[in-house]
Protein backbone atom coordinates (compact mmCIF):
# COMPACT_ATOMS: atom_id res chain seq x y z
CA MET A 1 21.16 -4.83 -20.05
CA ARG A 2 20.54 -4.32 -16.33
CA THR A 3 22.19 -1.70 -14.30
CA GLU A 4 22.61 -2.23 -10.51
CA LEU A 5 22.16 1.08 -8.59
CA ASP A 6 24.45 1.58 -5.67
CA PHE A 7 22.48 3.05 -2.57
CA ALA A 8 25.52 3.19 -0.37
CA PRO A 9 26.14 7.04 -0.50
CA LEU A 10 22.49 7.59 0.22
CA TYR A 11 22.74 5.47 3.32
CA ARG A 12 25.64 7.44 4.66
CA SER A 13 23.81 10.73 4.51
CA SER A 14 20.13 9.91 5.31
CA ILE A 15 18.42 8.59 8.26
CA GLY A 16 15.03 6.67 8.40
CA PHE A 17 14.72 6.05 4.71
CA ASP A 18 15.56 2.41 4.75
CA ARG A 19 11.98 1.30 3.53
CA VAL A 20 12.26 3.46 0.59
CA PHE A 21 15.74 2.17 -0.37
CA ASN A 22 14.34 -1.47 0.17
CA LEU A 23 11.51 -0.74 -2.13
CA LEU A 24 13.73 0.54 -4.94
CA ASP A 25 16.08 -2.27 -4.51
CA ASN A 26 13.26 -4.94 -4.62
CA ALA A 27 11.79 -3.27 -7.74
CA GLN A 28 14.94 -3.24 -9.56
CA ARG A 29 15.31 -7.09 -8.86
CA LEU A 30 12.12 -7.97 -10.45
CA GLN A 31 12.89 -10.10 -13.56
CA ALA A 32 9.66 -11.01 -15.05
CA VAL A 33 6.57 -8.74 -15.43
CA ASP A 34 3.47 -10.73 -14.55
CA LEU A 35 0.73 -9.36 -16.81
CA TRP A 36 -2.13 -11.50 -15.63
CA PRO A 37 -4.66 -10.54 -14.33
CA PRO A 38 -4.61 -7.07 -15.83
CA TYR A 39 -5.41 -4.07 -13.63
CA ASP A 40 -5.52 -0.25 -13.63
CA ILE A 41 -4.38 2.13 -10.91
CA VAL A 42 -6.22 5.45 -11.02
CA LYS A 43 -5.62 8.56 -8.92
CA VAL A 44 -9.23 9.48 -8.03
CA GLY A 45 -8.41 12.56 -5.97
CA ASP A 46 -5.55 14.14 -4.08
CA ASP A 47 -5.58 11.44 -1.24
CA GLU A 48 -7.71 8.60 -3.00
CA TYR A 49 -6.78 5.85 -5.34
CA ALA A 50 -8.53 3.16 -7.01
CA ILE A 51 -7.34 -0.24 -8.45
CA THR A 52 -9.49 -2.18 -10.83
CA MET A 53 -8.51 -5.74 -11.65
CA ALA A 54 -10.04 -7.89 -14.36
CA VAL A 55 -10.86 -11.17 -12.70
CA ALA A 56 -13.52 -12.75 -15.12
CA GLY A 57 -14.69 -16.07 -14.04
CA PHE A 58 -13.75 -15.52 -10.28
CA SER A 59 -16.55 -15.14 -7.67
CA GLN A 60 -16.22 -13.24 -4.23
CA SER A 61 -15.42 -16.57 -2.50
CA ASP A 62 -12.49 -17.25 -4.87
CA LEU A 63 -10.88 -13.88 -4.13
CA ASP A 64 -9.21 -12.63 -1.00
CA VAL A 65 -7.96 -9.12 -0.38
CA THR A 66 -5.85 -8.49 2.75
CA GLN A 67 -3.72 -5.49 3.91
CA GLU A 68 -0.64 -6.30 6.04
CA ARG A 69 1.05 -3.14 7.11
CA ASN A 70 2.08 -1.35 3.95
CA VAL A 71 1.23 -4.18 1.57
CA LEU A 72 -1.98 -5.02 -0.18
CA ILE A 73 -2.30 -8.54 -1.23
CA ILE A 74 -4.84 -9.82 -3.60
CA LYS A 75 -5.23 -13.58 -4.22
CA GLY A 76 -7.42 -15.39 -6.58
CA THR A 77 -7.74 -19.32 -6.32
CA LYS A 78 -10.15 -21.34 -8.39
CA ALA A 79 -10.77 -25.01 -8.27
CA GLU A 80 -10.10 -26.72 -11.62
CA LYS A 81 -13.12 -28.09 -13.16
CA LYS A 82 -12.94 -30.85 -15.72
CA GLU A 83 -15.33 -30.05 -18.43
CA GLY A 84 -13.80 -31.98 -21.30
CA GLU A 85 -10.74 -31.39 -23.35
CA TYR A 86 -9.92 -27.78 -24.13
CA LEU A 87 -8.99 -27.18 -27.75
CA HIS A 88 -8.39 -23.47 -26.86
CA ARG A 89 -8.17 -21.89 -23.37
CA GLY A 90 -8.30 -18.18 -23.63
CA ILE A 91 -10.10 -17.41 -20.48
CA GLY A 92 -7.67 -17.15 -17.77
CA GLY A 93 -8.53 -19.06 -14.63
CA GLN A 94 -5.27 -19.80 -12.89
CA SER A 95 -4.53 -18.93 -9.35
CA PHE A 96 -2.90 -15.59 -8.83
CA GLU A 97 -1.42 -13.40 -6.11
CA ARG A 98 -0.70 -9.58 -6.77
CA ARG A 99 0.98 -7.44 -4.17
CA PHE A 100 0.94 -3.61 -4.14
CA GLU A 101 3.27 -1.66 -1.90
CA LEU A 102 1.41 1.11 -0.16
CA ALA A 103 2.60 4.42 1.24
CA ASP A 104 2.27 5.11 4.84
CA HIS A 105 -1.26 5.92 6.15
CA VAL A 106 -2.93 4.43 2.95
CA HIS A 107 -5.67 2.02 3.82
CA VAL A 108 -8.45 0.13 2.04
CA GLU A 109 -11.66 1.97 2.08
CA THR A 110 -13.93 -0.50 0.10
CA ALA A 111 -13.51 -3.64 -2.20
CA SER A 112 -16.38 -4.62 -4.55
CA LEU A 113 -16.79 -7.25 -7.40
CA SER A 114 -19.09 -6.36 -10.31
CA ASP A 115 -19.07 -7.66 -13.97
CA GLY A 116 -15.83 -9.38 -13.56
CA LEU A 117 -14.00 -6.22 -12.26
CA LEU A 118 -12.66 -6.12 -8.65
CA ARG A 119 -12.48 -2.54 -7.50
CA ILE A 120 -10.56 -1.52 -4.47
CA VAL A 121 -10.67 1.98 -3.29
CA LEU A 122 -7.68 3.25 -1.18
CA LYS A 123 -7.38 6.54 0.93
CA GLN A 124 -4.52 8.17 2.41
CA GLU A 125 -5.29 9.71 5.64
CA VAL A 126 -2.44 11.41 7.37
CA PRO A 127 -2.86 11.52 11.21
CA GLU A 128 -3.50 15.13 12.59
CA ALA A 129 -0.32 15.06 14.67
CA MET A 130 1.85 14.71 11.31
CA LYS A 131 0.03 17.55 9.40
CA PRO A 132 1.67 20.80 9.20
CA ARG A 133 0.88 23.23 11.93
CA ARG A 134 1.35 26.96 12.26
CA ILE A 135 3.98 27.95 15.04
CA GLU A 136 3.12 31.38 16.70
CA ILE A 137 6.13 33.64 16.95
CA GLY A 138 6.47 35.32 20.13
CA ASN A 139 7.70 38.99 20.87
CA GLY A 140 10.97 38.05 22.49
CA THR A 141 9.92 37.95 26.14
CA ALA A 142 9.84 34.55 27.58
CA ALA A 143 6.89 33.49 29.66
CA PRO A 144 7.78 32.55 33.31
CA PRO A 145 8.39 28.84 33.72
CA LEU A 146 5.51 26.77 34.91
CA GLN A 147 5.91 25.38 38.39
CA ILE A 148 4.49 22.06 39.22
CA GLU A 149 3.43 21.54 42.92
CA SER A 150 3.00 18.13 44.35
CA ASP A 151 1.36 17.08 47.52
CA LYS A 152 4.28 16.58 50.04
CA GLN A 153 3.48 14.07 52.90
CA VAL A 154 5.29 14.45 56.08
CA ALA A 155 5.99 11.25 58.09
């Protein structure tokens, strides 16, 4: 049983949160959970994350990692090799595409492939202008307004 959430009341009382509502709406529409390839997401520090994805059988040339705005896209494509008739195929080798929604100011630091594990390190760096800053409180007397003088040319 699926329950649809109505975000209309939130749209009426909030401004600038469209992206968040779209993320929630898209997440609730996902029908099937794709379990391949398996992956872990680990919070390494306050502003650092790591995604580790099991991609056994894929080489660096078979994998493509791109970041487009706030989406990390990991694609794996592998050419089919005819080695005979499979009696059992347990090693996954099908092409895949996995997308991860990233928060604002999150970017990929590094990507590495070792022992069949793709590790992507992400870091969130908030710009200096967006960090909290302390505002000095004056004593109530206003400073005189600054006057800007411009060069006047007389014709």
